[in-house]
Protein backbone atom coordinates (compact mmCIF):
# COMPACT_ATOMS: atom_id res chain seq x y z
CA MET A 1 23.64 -4.38 4.77
CA ASP A 2 20.52 -5.81 6.49
CA TYR A 3 17.36 -3.87 5.61
CA ASN A 4 15.14 -5.71 8.10
CA VAL A 5 13.99 -4.31 11.45
CA ASN A 6 16.46 -4.40 14.37
CA GLU A 7 15.83 -5.61 17.94
CA GLU A 8 14.70 -2.14 19.03
CA GLY A 9 12.09 -1.93 16.29
CA PHE A 10 13.96 0.45 13.97
CA TYR A 11 14.81 0.40 10.28
CA GLY A 12 17.86 2.65 10.39
CA ARG A 13 16.58 5.90 11.91
CA PHE A 14 12.94 5.04 11.25
CA GLY A 15 10.43 3.06 13.30
CA GLY A 16 10.18 2.62 17.07
CA ALA A 17 7.09 2.76 19.27
CA TYR A 18 5.87 6.20 20.36
CA VAL A 19 2.59 5.46 22.10
CA PRO A 20 0.50 6.94 24.94
CA GLU A 21 1.06 5.37 28.35
CA ILE A 22 -2.39 3.73 28.35
CA LEU A 23 -1.37 1.65 25.31
CA TYR A 24 2.17 0.85 26.40
CA ALA A 25 1.25 -2.53 27.96
CA ASN A 26 -0.74 -3.59 24.88
CA VAL A 27 2.04 -2.72 22.45
CA GLU A 28 4.72 -4.24 24.67
CA ASN A 29 2.73 -7.48 25.12
CA LEU A 30 2.28 -7.68 21.36
CA ARG A 31 5.99 -7.06 20.78
CA LYS A 32 6.90 -9.90 23.13
CA ALA A 33 4.31 -12.30 21.72
CA TYR A 34 4.04 -11.80 17.95
CA ARG A 35 7.16 -13.63 16.71
CA LYS A 36 6.72 -16.47 19.22
CA ILE A 37 3.07 -17.01 18.25
CA MET A 38 3.75 -16.69 14.50
CA GLU A 39 6.41 -19.39 14.72
CA GLU A 40 4.24 -21.90 16.62
CA PRO A 41 3.59 -24.90 14.33
CA ASP A 42 -0.17 -25.00 15.00
CA PHE A 43 -0.55 -21.23 14.33
CA ARG A 44 1.45 -21.58 11.13
CA ALA A 45 -0.61 -24.57 10.05
CA GLU A 46 -3.93 -22.76 10.65
CA PHE A 47 -2.69 -19.60 8.89
CA ASP A 48 -1.36 -21.52 5.89
CA LYS A 49 -4.54 -23.62 5.60
CA LEU A 50 -6.74 -20.49 5.55
CA LEU A 51 -4.49 -18.83 2.97
CA ARG A 52 -4.81 -21.91 0.78
CA ASP A 53 -8.44 -22.95 1.25
CA TYR A 54 -10.14 -19.64 2.10
CA VAL A 55 -8.09 -16.95 0.33
CA GLY A 56 -7.19 -19.13 -2.67
CA ARG A 57 -3.41 -18.89 -2.48
CA PRO A 58 -0.99 -19.13 -4.10
CA SER A 59 -2.09 -16.20 -6.26
CA PRO A 60 -0.97 -16.65 -9.88
CA LEU A 61 2.20 -15.14 -11.34
CA TYR A 62 0.95 -14.31 -14.82
CA ARG A 63 3.21 -13.43 -17.77
CA ALA A 64 1.45 -10.48 -19.38
CA GLY A 65 2.21 -11.17 -23.06
CA ARG A 66 0.71 -8.08 -24.69
CA LEU A 67 2.04 -5.76 -21.98
CA SER A 68 5.48 -7.35 -22.34
CA GLU A 69 5.37 -6.87 -26.09
CA LYS A 70 4.46 -3.20 -25.76
CA TYR A 71 7.30 -2.42 -23.35
CA GLY A 72 9.88 -4.74 -24.93
CA THR A 73 10.63 -6.74 -21.81
CA ASN A 74 9.29 -9.66 -19.73
CA ILE A 75 6.49 -8.53 -17.41
CA PHE A 76 4.95 -10.85 -14.84
CA LEU A 77 1.94 -9.76 -12.79
CA LYS A 78 1.54 -11.07 -9.24
CA ARG A 79 -2.24 -11.38 -9.12
CA GLU A 80 -3.22 -10.34 -5.58
CA ASP A 81 -6.44 -9.05 -7.15
CA LEU A 82 -7.59 -12.68 -7.41
CA ASN A 83 -7.54 -13.24 -3.64
CA HIS A 84 -10.81 -13.60 -1.73
CA THR A 85 -12.08 -10.02 -1.05
CA GLY A 86 -10.09 -8.75 -4.03
CA ALA A 87 -6.75 -7.58 -2.62
CA HIS A 88 -3.64 -8.47 -0.65
CA LYS A 89 -5.21 -7.11 2.56
CA ILE A 90 -6.78 -10.47 3.46
CA ASN A 91 -3.33 -12.04 4.10
CA ASN A 92 -2.59 -9.70 6.99
CA ALA A 93 -6.17 -9.62 8.32
CA ILE A 94 -6.24 -13.39 8.77
CA GLY A 95 -2.85 -13.37 10.48
CA GLN A 96 -3.67 -10.58 12.92
CA VAL A 97 -7.15 -11.79 13.88
CA LEU A 98 -5.73 -15.26 14.54
CA LEU A 99 -3.05 -13.59 16.67
CA ALA A 100 -5.64 -11.49 18.54
CA ARG A 101 -7.70 -14.57 19.33
CA ARG A 102 -4.66 -16.34 20.78
CA MET A 103 -3.94 -13.28 22.92
CA GLY A 104 -7.45 -13.45 24.41
CA LYS A 105 -8.88 -10.36 22.70
CA THR A 106 -12.60 -10.36 21.91
CA ARG A 107 -13.13 -7.10 20.00
CA ILE A 108 -11.43 -6.07 16.75
CA ILE A 109 -11.03 -2.53 15.44
CA ALA A 110 -9.49 -1.40 12.16
CA GLU A 111 -8.96 1.67 10.01
CA THR A 112 -9.49 1.73 6.27
CA GLY A 113 -9.02 4.10 3.33
CA ALA A 114 -9.98 2.38 0.09
CA GLY A 115 -12.05 -0.04 2.15
CA GLN A 116 -10.14 -3.20 1.18
CA HIS A 117 -8.53 -3.61 4.61
CA GLY A 118 -11.89 -2.93 6.23
CA VAL A 119 -13.59 -5.55 4.07
CA ALA A 120 -10.81 -8.05 4.73
CA THR A 121 -10.96 -7.50 8.51
CA ALA A 122 -14.76 -7.68 8.55
CA THR A 123 -14.58 -10.89 6.51
CA VAL A 124 -12.19 -12.59 8.92
CA CYS A 125 -14.20 -11.39 11.94
CA ALA A 126 -17.34 -12.91 10.42
CA LEU A 127 -15.45 -16.15 9.85
CA MET A 128 -14.14 -16.21 13.43
CA ASN A 129 -17.23 -14.77 15.17
CA MET A 130 -15.49 -11.63 16.47
CA GLU A 131 -16.98 -8.17 17.05
CA CYS A 132 -15.66 -5.73 14.42
CA VAL A 133 -15.61 -1.92 14.26
CA VAL A 134 -14.08 -0.18 11.23
CA TYR A 135 -13.17 3.52 11.16
CA MET A 136 -13.32 5.17 7.74
CA GLY A 137 -13.06 8.81 6.72
CA GLU A 138 -16.34 10.33 5.58
CA THR A 139 -14.76 11.28 2.23
CA ASP A 140 -13.78 7.65 1.68
CA VAL A 141 -17.20 6.40 2.83
CA ARG A 142 -18.70 8.36 -0.06
CA ARG A 143 -16.19 7.36 -2.74
CA GLN A 144 -15.96 3.71 -1.66
CA LYS A 145 -19.67 3.05 -1.07
CA LEU A 146 -19.55 -0.54 -2.36
CA ASN A 147 -16.94 -1.54 0.22
CA VAL A 148 -18.93 0.14 3.01
CA GLN A 149 -21.96 -1.94 2.02
CA LYS A 150 -19.83 -5.11 2.02
CA MET A 151 -18.49 -4.40 5.53
CA GLU A 152 -21.98 -3.79 6.87
CA MET A 153 -23.31 -6.97 5.23
CA LEU A 154 -20.43 -8.85 6.89
CA GLY A 155 -21.62 -7.60 10.29
CA ALA A 156 -19.06 -4.86 10.95
CA LYS A 157 -19.97 -1.46 12.35
CA VAL A 158 -18.57 1.22 10.00
CA VAL A 159 -17.89 4.53 11.79
CA PRO A 160 -17.57 7.56 9.45
CA VAL A 161 -14.87 9.99 10.62
CA THR A 162 -15.58 13.70 10.11
CA THR A 163 -12.34 15.30 11.33
CA GLY A 164 -9.45 16.58 9.16
CA ASN A 165 -9.89 15.89 5.47
CA LYS A 166 -11.95 12.83 6.42
CA THR A 167 -9.64 10.21 4.91
CA LEU A 168 -7.17 7.52 6.02
CA LYS A 169 -5.08 9.60 8.47
CA ASP A 170 -8.24 10.69 10.30
CA ALA A 171 -9.64 7.15 10.39
CA THR A 172 -6.36 6.00 11.96
CA ASN A 173 -6.56 8.77 14.58
CA GLU A 174 -10.05 7.63 15.61
CA ALA A 175 -9.06 3.95 15.73
CA ILE A 176 -6.18 4.82 18.09
CA ARG A 177 -8.58 6.85 20.30
CA ASP A 178 -10.90 3.83 20.50
CA TRP A 179 -7.96 1.59 21.42
CA CYS A 180 -6.95 4.00 24.20
CA CYS A 181 -10.48 3.77 25.65
CA ASN A 182 -10.70 -0.03 25.37
CA PRO A 183 -7.19 -1.42 25.88
CA ARG A 184 -8.18 -4.56 27.77
CA ASP A 185 -10.47 -6.41 25.33
CA THR A 186 -9.67 -4.69 22.03
CA TYR A 187 -7.10 -5.58 19.39
CA TYR A 188 -6.25 -3.02 16.70
CA VAL A 189 -5.66 -4.66 13.31
CA ILE A 190 -3.46 -2.14 11.46
CA GLY A 191 -3.72 -2.65 7.73
CA SER A 192 -0.33 -1.45 6.57
CA THR A 193 3.34 -1.35 7.57
CA VAL A 194 2.75 1.72 9.73
CA GLY A 195 2.20 2.38 13.44
CA PRO A 196 4.35 1.49 16.45
CA HIS A 197 6.70 -1.49 16.47
CA PRO A 198 5.94 -4.38 16.10
CA TYR A 199 3.19 -3.55 13.58
CA PRO A 200 5.40 -2.63 10.57
CA ASP A 201 7.42 -5.83 10.93
CA MET A 202 4.41 -8.00 11.76
CA VAL A 203 2.38 -6.80 8.77
CA ALA A 204 5.41 -7.23 6.47
CA ARG A 205 5.83 -10.80 7.72
CA PHE A 206 2.18 -11.70 7.16
CA GLN A 207 2.36 -10.17 3.67
CA SER A 208 5.71 -11.83 2.89
CA VAL A 209 3.74 -14.78 1.51
CA ILE A 210 3.72 -12.67 -1.68
CA SER A 211 7.50 -12.69 -2.20
CA GLN A 212 7.75 -16.26 -0.89
CA GLU A 213 5.43 -17.35 -3.69
CA ILE A 214 7.18 -15.17 -6.29
CA LYS A 215 10.45 -17.01 -5.58
CA LYS A 216 8.88 -20.43 -6.15
CA GLN A 217 6.86 -19.31 -9.17
CA LEU A 218 9.81 -17.64 -10.91
CA GLN A 219 11.94 -20.74 -10.35
CA HIS A 220 9.26 -22.75 -12.13
CA GLU A 221 8.72 -20.18 -14.93
CA ILE A 222 12.26 -19.03 -15.78
CA GLY A 223 14.61 -21.36 -13.89
CA ARG A 224 15.77 -18.81 -11.31
CA ASP A 225 14.04 -17.51 -8.20
CA TYR A 226 14.64 -13.76 -8.54
CA PRO A 227 13.59 -11.05 -11.03
CA ASP A 228 15.61 -8.06 -12.18
CA TYR A 229 12.92 -5.62 -11.03
CA LEU A 230 10.11 -5.68 -8.46
CA ILE A 231 7.45 -2.96 -8.71
CA ALA A 232 4.69 -2.17 -6.19
CA CYS A 233 2.63 0.83 -5.14
CA VAL A 234 3.13 2.40 -1.70
CA GLY A 235 0.72 4.29 0.54
CA GLY A 236 1.47 2.89 3.95
CA GLY A 237 3.33 0.12 2.16
CA SER A 238 2.00 -3.35 2.96
CA ASN A 239 1.76 -4.86 -0.53
CA ALA A 240 5.20 -3.43 -1.37
CA ALA A 241 6.64 -4.81 1.89
CA GLY A 242 5.21 -8.22 1.06
CA THR A 243 6.53 -8.04 -2.51
CA PHE A 244 10.02 -6.94 -1.43
CA PHE A 245 10.39 -8.94 1.82
CA HIS A 246 12.40 -11.97 0.66
CA TYR A 247 14.47 -9.81 -1.69
CA LEU A 248 15.40 -6.96 0.68
CA ASN A 249 19.01 -8.10 0.98
CA GLU A 250 19.24 -9.46 -2.58
CA GLU A 251 21.08 -6.61 -4.29
CA ARG A 252 20.64 -8.14 -7.77
CA VAL A 253 16.95 -7.23 -7.54
CA HIS A 254 16.02 -3.59 -8.17
CA LEU A 255 13.11 -2.41 -6.02
CA ILE A 256 10.75 0.26 -7.38
CA ALA A 257 8.02 1.84 -5.24
CA ALA A 258 5.28 3.95 -6.84
CA GLU A 259 3.73 6.62 -4.64
CA ALA A 260 0.83 8.94 -5.40
CA ALA A 261 1.78 12.36 -6.79
CA GLY A 262 -1.88 13.35 -7.03
CA LYS A 263 -2.12 16.42 -9.27
CA GLY A 264 1.68 16.78 -9.26
CA ILE A 265 4.44 16.81 -6.65
CA ASP A 266 4.54 20.61 -6.55
CA SER A 267 0.80 21.15 -6.99
CA GLY A 268 -0.08 21.30 -3.29
CA GLU A 269 -2.42 18.36 -3.93
CA SER A 270 -0.21 15.29 -3.57
CA ALA A 271 0.45 12.25 -1.40
CA ALA A 272 4.09 11.77 -2.48
CA THR A 273 5.30 11.37 1.10
CA ILE A 274 8.80 10.09 0.33
CA HIS A 275 9.44 12.97 -2.09
CA LEU A 276 7.86 15.65 0.09
CA GLY A 277 8.13 14.34 3.65
CA ARG A 278 10.50 15.23 6.48
CA GLU A 279 11.37 13.11 9.49
CA GLY A 280 8.69 13.14 12.14
CA ILE A 281 6.41 10.97 14.23
CA ILE A 282 2.96 9.89 13.10
CA HIS A 283 0.71 7.19 14.56
CA GLY A 284 3.41 5.83 16.86
CA SER A 285 6.33 5.62 14.41
CA ARG A 286 9.25 7.82 13.37
CA THR A 287 9.15 8.09 9.61
CA LEU A 288 8.83 10.56 6.74
CA VAL A 289 5.80 12.79 7.19
CA MET A 290 4.24 15.50 5.04
CA GLN A 291 4.34 18.43 7.45
CA THR A 292 4.75 22.19 7.73
CA GLU A 293 7.83 23.90 9.18
CA ASP A 294 6.22 23.85 12.63
CA GLY A 295 5.26 20.18 12.41
CA GLN A 296 1.58 20.39 11.42
CA ILE A 297 0.41 17.57 9.14
CA ILE A 298 -0.10 18.60 5.52
CA GLU A 299 -3.29 16.96 4.28
CA PRO A 300 -2.45 14.55 1.44
CA TYR A 301 -4.43 14.16 -1.76
CA SER A 302 -4.70 11.29 -4.24
CA ILE A 303 -7.43 10.04 -6.53
CA SER A 304 -6.71 6.69 -4.83
CA ALA A 305 -8.27 6.33 -1.38
CA GLY A 306 -5.66 3.76 -0.38
CA LEU A 307 -2.64 5.98 -1.08
CA ASP A 308 -3.57 9.36 0.43
CA TYR A 309 -1.67 8.96 3.71
CA PRO A 310 0.74 11.70 4.92
CA GLY A 311 3.30 9.18 6.23
CA ILE A 312 4.98 6.04 4.94
CA GLY A 313 5.97 2.77 6.59
CA PRO A 314 9.40 3.03 8.26
CA LEU A 315 10.71 0.12 6.18
CA HIS A 316 10.06 2.11 3.00
CA ALA A 317 11.42 5.35 4.44
CA ASN A 318 14.67 3.53 5.18
CA LEU A 319 14.84 1.81 1.77
CA ALA A 320 14.37 5.17 0.06
CA LYS A 321 16.88 7.05 2.24
CA LEU A 322 19.54 4.40 1.67
CA GLY A 323 18.87 4.21 -2.06
CA ARG A 324 17.87 0.54 -1.87
CA ALA A 325 14.51 1.34 -3.48
CA GLN A 326 13.82 3.78 -6.27
CA VAL A 327 10.68 5.79 -5.55
CA MET A 328 8.64 7.15 -8.46
CA ALA A 329 5.82 9.66 -8.01
CA ILE A 330 2.81 8.88 -10.23
CA THR A 331 0.07 11.42 -10.94
CA ASP A 332 -3.67 10.70 -11.00
CA GLU A 333 -3.68 11.05 -14.77
CA GLU A 334 -0.77 8.64 -15.24
CA ALA A 335 -2.42 6.06 -12.97
CA LEU A 336 -5.74 6.31 -14.82
CA GLN A 337 -4.01 5.89 -18.19
CA ALA A 338 -2.13 2.83 -16.88
CA ALA A 339 -5.35 1.27 -15.55
CA PHE A 340 -7.03 1.56 -18.94
CA GLU A 341 -3.93 0.25 -20.69
CA LEU A 342 -3.90 -2.94 -18.59
CA THR A 343 -7.63 -3.37 -19.12
CA GLU A 344 -7.35 -2.98 -22.88
CA LEU A 345 -4.21 -5.12 -23.33
CA GLU A 346 -4.76 -7.90 -20.78
CA GLY A 347 -8.44 -7.81 -19.78
CA ILE A 348 -7.57 -7.04 -16.15
CA ILE A 349 -9.19 -4.07 -14.39
CA PRO A 350 -6.82 -3.09 -11.54
CA ALA A 351 -7.46 -1.10 -8.38
CA LEU A 352 -6.43 2.55 -8.62
CA GLU A 353 -3.66 1.82 -6.11
CA SER A 354 -2.20 -0.89 -8.35
CA ALA A 355 -2.53 1.41 -11.35
CA HIS A 356 0.15 3.65 -9.83
CA ALA A 357 2.58 0.71 -9.98
CA LEU A 358 1.56 -0.05 -13.57
CA ALA A 359 2.31 3.55 -14.58
CA VAL A 360 6.00 2.91 -13.79
CA LEU A 361 6.21 0.83 -16.98
CA ASN A 362 5.77 3.95 -19.10
CA LYS A 363 8.39 5.95 -17.15
CA LYS A 364 11.22 3.43 -16.81
CA GLN A 365 13.38 1.87 -19.52
CA PHE A 366 13.86 -1.91 -19.32
CA LYS A 367 16.12 -4.21 -21.31
CA LYS A 368 14.68 -6.91 -23.55
CA GLU A 369 16.08 -9.67 -21.32
CA ASP A 370 14.91 -8.11 -18.03
CA VAL A 371 12.40 -9.94 -15.85
CA VAL A 372 9.97 -7.49 -14.24
CA VAL A 373 7.52 -8.59 -11.54
CA LEU A 374 4.75 -6.12 -10.74
CA THR A 375 2.22 -6.70 -7.96
CA VAL A 376 -1.39 -6.01 -8.88
CA SER A 377 -2.42 -5.40 -5.28
CA GLY A 378 -6.17 -5.28 -5.86
CA ARG A 379 -8.98 -5.40 -8.38
CA GLY A 380 -10.86 -2.40 -9.69
CA ASP A 381 -14.48 -3.10 -8.68
CA LYS A 382 -14.38 -0.43 -5.98
CA ASP A 383 -13.05 2.20 -8.41
CA MET A 384 -15.53 1.73 -11.26
CA GLU A 385 -17.30 5.06 -10.72
CA THR A 386 -13.97 6.90 -11.02
CA TYR A 387 -13.00 4.89 -14.09
CA ILE A 388 -16.36 5.48 -15.78
CA ARG A 389 -16.10 9.27 -15.24
CA PHE A 390 -12.59 9.23 -16.73
CA PHE A 391 -13.72 7.03 -19.64
CA GLN A 392 -16.63 9.34 -20.43
CA LYS A 393 -14.34 12.39 -20.44
CA ARG A 394 -11.87 10.56 -22.67
CA GLU A 395 -14.62 9.71 -25.16
CA GLU A 396 -15.92 13.29 -25.36
């Protein structure tokens, strides 16, 4: 079975492009252009050079010795936290801004939750002298103050969004409204594998540098180019899509996605979309959506600003429905414990998003000979206030 997107922009039943008429031409032009532009040798050369010289790729594949010893298996960490700007988001931002420039767009807009996509987009816009506007929920503006300051220093205009529960969904709504009002000169850089086709496939392809590198690095480290398990966190799903991309049709590799259970799947305060969602349309794509019986969005909750989205990328919805990926729901408490464990055992402070993936290690049994690759999607600078509060409570 092929788990990639089909010609119509669907992953099984999920995907497609459900957009207002005013945006139809933009989305259709992008659909026709993205693969052609991405495959042009000079585009590829510029993209690869920036990933190497500006981002600092390839990111290391580090064998975590003490973590491996604790869990009785072989754990490798894909260190996306070491990228310039501190997360995987920069890979996609560079690709899409380069694409926008080639399509003649002069103004860039983006949405952001944890702020890492906003920082990455603002960074690339500064590099390429492009106007940049970033929409961010007011709740996230408060809890991710450091990233807001970085975006502003980089020259971006950060627009706080005060509708809904003032987080990622609401920021996305406002970005789409902006795009509707400025379709001619504006390019919308979506930060995850969500939105109308071709965005989910395009973002996955830009992020697929992660799995491309894993293949080469594993070959060098263990003499084969595939692991037994791949683990990544999912909110919208871009770091997981990048981690899984070159292994989607490799059935020997078990895929595990960690989503945010918040205070518990049945608590009413959760962002476990795959566990709780039903089929619906959100932000231009048919996918799994947390919604009421009459189709109203249920506001998600997670301690992690990057995972509290009420939908999921259509790629991941399809992988889950078909059983290709195992999806584990991780609570706030489990993620916090996993973050401190990695810090104490390996001296690496992960982002709260990545901590959800790390928590899988304590919930899944692995064999001694298994090779487990886990993507640390970002570093924990932005989450230090949350970590310090948790640490102080733990010490009391």
